[in-house]
């Protein structure tokens, strides 16, 4: 169903935005570069999985 696919898509986007917000906020408060590394790993893994799933 189209409605369920849209809900899943928007829920995934909100989840990624929330995690991004938390990691950036944590970096601003603590100035710890490990938080930025976590953020980069998160986005790298998302793009990598998306690229792999598009090949199939």
N, C-alpha and C. Protein backbone atom coordinates (compact mmCIF):
# COMPACT_ATOMS: atom_id res chain seq x y z
N UNK A 1 0.84 -1.19 0.00
CA UNK A 1 0.00 0.00 0.00
C UNK A 1 0.88 1.24 0.00
N UNK A 2 0.41 2.23 -0.69
CA UNK A 2 1.18 3.46 -0.82
C UNK A 2 1.25 4.21 0.51
N UNK A 3 0.17 4.23 1.26
CA UNK A 3 0.14 4.98 2.51
C UNK A 3 1.15 4.42 3.51
N UNK A 4 1.23 3.10 3.63
CA UNK A 4 2.19 2.50 4.56
C UNK A 4 3.62 2.78 4.13
N UNK A 5 3.90 2.76 2.84
CA UNK A 5 5.25 3.06 2.36
C UNK A 5 5.63 4.50 2.68
N UNK A 6 4.69 5.43 2.52
CA UNK A 6 4.96 6.83 2.83
C UNK A 6 5.20 7.01 4.32
N UNK A 7 4.42 6.35 5.15
CA UNK A 7 4.60 6.46 6.60
C UNK A 7 5.96 5.92 7.01
N UNK A 8 6.34 4.79 6.46
CA UNK A 8 7.65 4.22 6.77
C UNK A 8 8.78 5.14 6.32
N UNK A 9 8.63 5.73 5.16
CA UNK A 9 9.65 6.64 4.63
C UNK A 9 9.81 7.86 5.53
N UNK A 10 8.69 8.48 5.92
CA UNK A 10 8.76 9.67 6.76
C UNK A 10 9.22 9.35 8.17
N UNK A 11 8.87 8.18 8.67
CA UNK A 11 9.34 7.77 9.99
C UNK A 11 10.85 7.56 9.97
N UNK A 12 11.37 6.99 8.89
CA UNK A 12 12.82 6.80 8.75
C UNK A 12 13.54 8.14 8.68
N UNK A 13 12.97 9.08 7.92
CA UNK A 13 13.58 10.41 7.80
C UNK A 13 13.58 11.11 9.15
N UNK A 14 12.48 11.04 9.88
CA UNK A 14 12.42 11.67 11.21
C UNK A 14 13.41 11.04 12.18
N UNK A 15 13.59 9.73 12.09
CA UNK A 15 14.53 9.06 12.97
C UNK A 15 15.96 9.51 12.69
N UNK A 16 16.33 9.59 11.43
CA UNK A 16 17.68 10.03 11.07
C UNK A 16 17.89 11.48 11.48
N UNK A 17 16.90 12.33 11.27
CA UNK A 17 17.02 13.73 11.69
C UNK A 17 17.15 13.86 13.20
N UNK A 18 16.42 13.04 13.95
CA UNK A 18 16.50 13.09 15.41
C UNK A 18 17.88 12.65 15.89
N UNK A 19 18.41 11.58 15.33
CA UNK A 19 19.74 11.12 15.72
C UNK A 19 20.79 12.17 15.34
N UNK A 20 20.63 12.80 14.19
CA UNK A 20 21.55 13.87 13.78
C UNK A 20 21.49 15.03 14.77
N UNK A 21 20.28 15.40 15.16
CA UNK A 21 20.10 16.49 16.13
C UNK A 21 20.79 16.16 17.45
N UNK A 22 20.64 14.93 17.91
CA UNK A 22 21.27 14.54 19.17
C UNK A 22 22.79 14.53 19.08
N UNK A 23 23.34 14.02 17.99
CA UNK A 23 24.79 13.97 17.85
C UNK A 23 25.40 15.36 17.68
N UNK A 24 24.75 16.22 16.91
CA UNK A 24 25.27 17.59 16.74
C UNK A 24 25.16 18.35 18.06
N UNK A 25 24.06 18.18 18.76
CA UNK A 25 23.90 18.83 20.07
C UNK A 25 24.93 18.35 21.06
N UNK A 26 25.22 17.07 21.06
CA UNK A 26 26.23 16.53 21.95
C UNK A 26 27.61 17.08 21.60
N UNK A 27 27.89 17.23 20.30
CA UNK A 27 29.17 17.80 19.91
C UNK A 27 29.29 19.25 20.35
N UNK A 28 28.23 20.02 20.20
CA UNK A 28 28.27 21.44 20.58
C UNK A 28 28.50 21.58 22.07
N UNK A 29 27.86 20.74 22.87
CA UNK A 29 27.99 20.85 24.32
C UNK A 29 29.36 20.38 24.80
N UNK A 30 29.84 19.25 24.27
CA UNK A 30 31.06 18.67 24.82
C UNK A 30 32.31 18.92 23.97
N UNK A 31 32.15 19.38 22.74
CA UNK A 31 33.26 19.58 21.80
C UNK A 31 34.10 18.31 21.64
N UNK A 32 33.42 17.17 21.63
CA UNK A 32 34.07 15.88 21.48
C UNK A 32 33.95 15.45 20.02
N UNK A 33 35.08 15.23 19.38
CA UNK A 33 35.07 14.90 17.97
C UNK A 33 34.59 13.48 17.68
N UNK A 34 34.50 12.66 18.71
CA UNK A 34 33.97 11.31 18.52
C UNK A 34 32.49 11.39 18.10
N UNK A 35 31.76 12.38 18.59
CA UNK A 35 30.37 12.55 18.20
C UNK A 35 30.25 12.86 16.71
N UNK A 36 31.16 13.65 16.18
CA UNK A 36 31.16 13.91 14.74
C UNK A 36 31.53 12.66 13.96
N UNK A 37 32.41 11.86 14.50
CA UNK A 37 32.78 10.61 13.84
C UNK A 37 31.57 9.67 13.79
N UNK A 38 30.81 9.61 14.87
CA UNK A 38 29.59 8.80 14.87
C UNK A 38 28.62 9.28 13.81
N UNK A 39 28.50 10.58 13.67
CA UNK A 39 27.60 11.16 12.69
C UNK A 39 28.05 10.81 11.26
N UNK A 40 29.34 10.91 11.01
CA UNK A 40 29.86 10.55 9.70
C UNK A 40 29.66 9.06 9.39
N UNK A 41 29.87 8.22 10.39
CA UNK A 41 29.66 6.78 10.20
C UNK A 41 28.18 6.50 9.94
N UNK A 42 27.30 7.19 10.63
CA UNK A 42 25.86 7.01 10.42
C UNK A 42 25.49 7.34 8.98
N UNK A 43 25.90 8.51 8.49
CA UNK A 43 25.55 8.91 7.13
C UNK A 43 26.24 8.04 6.08
N UNK A 44 27.48 7.63 6.34
CA UNK A 44 28.17 6.76 5.40
C UNK A 44 27.44 5.42 5.28
N UNK A 45 27.03 4.87 6.41
CA UNK A 45 26.35 3.58 6.37
C UNK A 45 24.98 3.69 5.70
N UNK A 46 24.28 4.79 5.90
CA UNK A 46 22.98 4.99 5.25
C UNK A 46 23.16 5.06 3.74
N UNK A 47 24.10 5.85 3.27
CA UNK A 47 24.32 5.97 1.83
C UNK A 47 24.85 4.67 1.23
N UNK A 48 25.69 3.96 1.96
CA UNK A 48 26.23 2.70 1.46
C UNK A 48 25.12 1.65 1.31
N UNK A 49 24.27 1.53 2.30
CA UNK A 49 23.18 0.57 2.23
C UNK A 49 22.21 0.94 1.11
N UNK A 50 21.95 2.23 0.97
CA UNK A 50 21.05 2.67 -0.10
C UNK A 50 21.64 2.36 -1.47
N UNK A 51 22.94 2.56 -1.63
CA UNK A 51 23.61 2.28 -2.90
C UNK A 51 23.59 0.79 -3.20
N UNK A 52 23.83 -0.03 -2.20
CA UNK A 52 23.81 -1.48 -2.39
C UNK A 52 22.41 -1.96 -2.72
N UNK A 53 21.39 -1.42 -2.05
CA UNK A 53 20.02 -1.86 -2.29
C UNK A 53 19.52 -1.42 -3.67
N UNK A 54 20.06 -0.34 -4.22
CA UNK A 54 19.66 0.10 -5.55
C UNK A 54 20.24 -0.79 -6.64
N UNK A 55 21.36 -1.46 -6.38
CA UNK A 55 21.98 -2.33 -7.36
C UNK A 55 21.17 -3.60 -7.58
N UNK A 56 20.45 -4.04 -6.56
CA UNK A 56 19.70 -5.30 -6.66
C UNK A 56 18.49 -5.20 -7.50
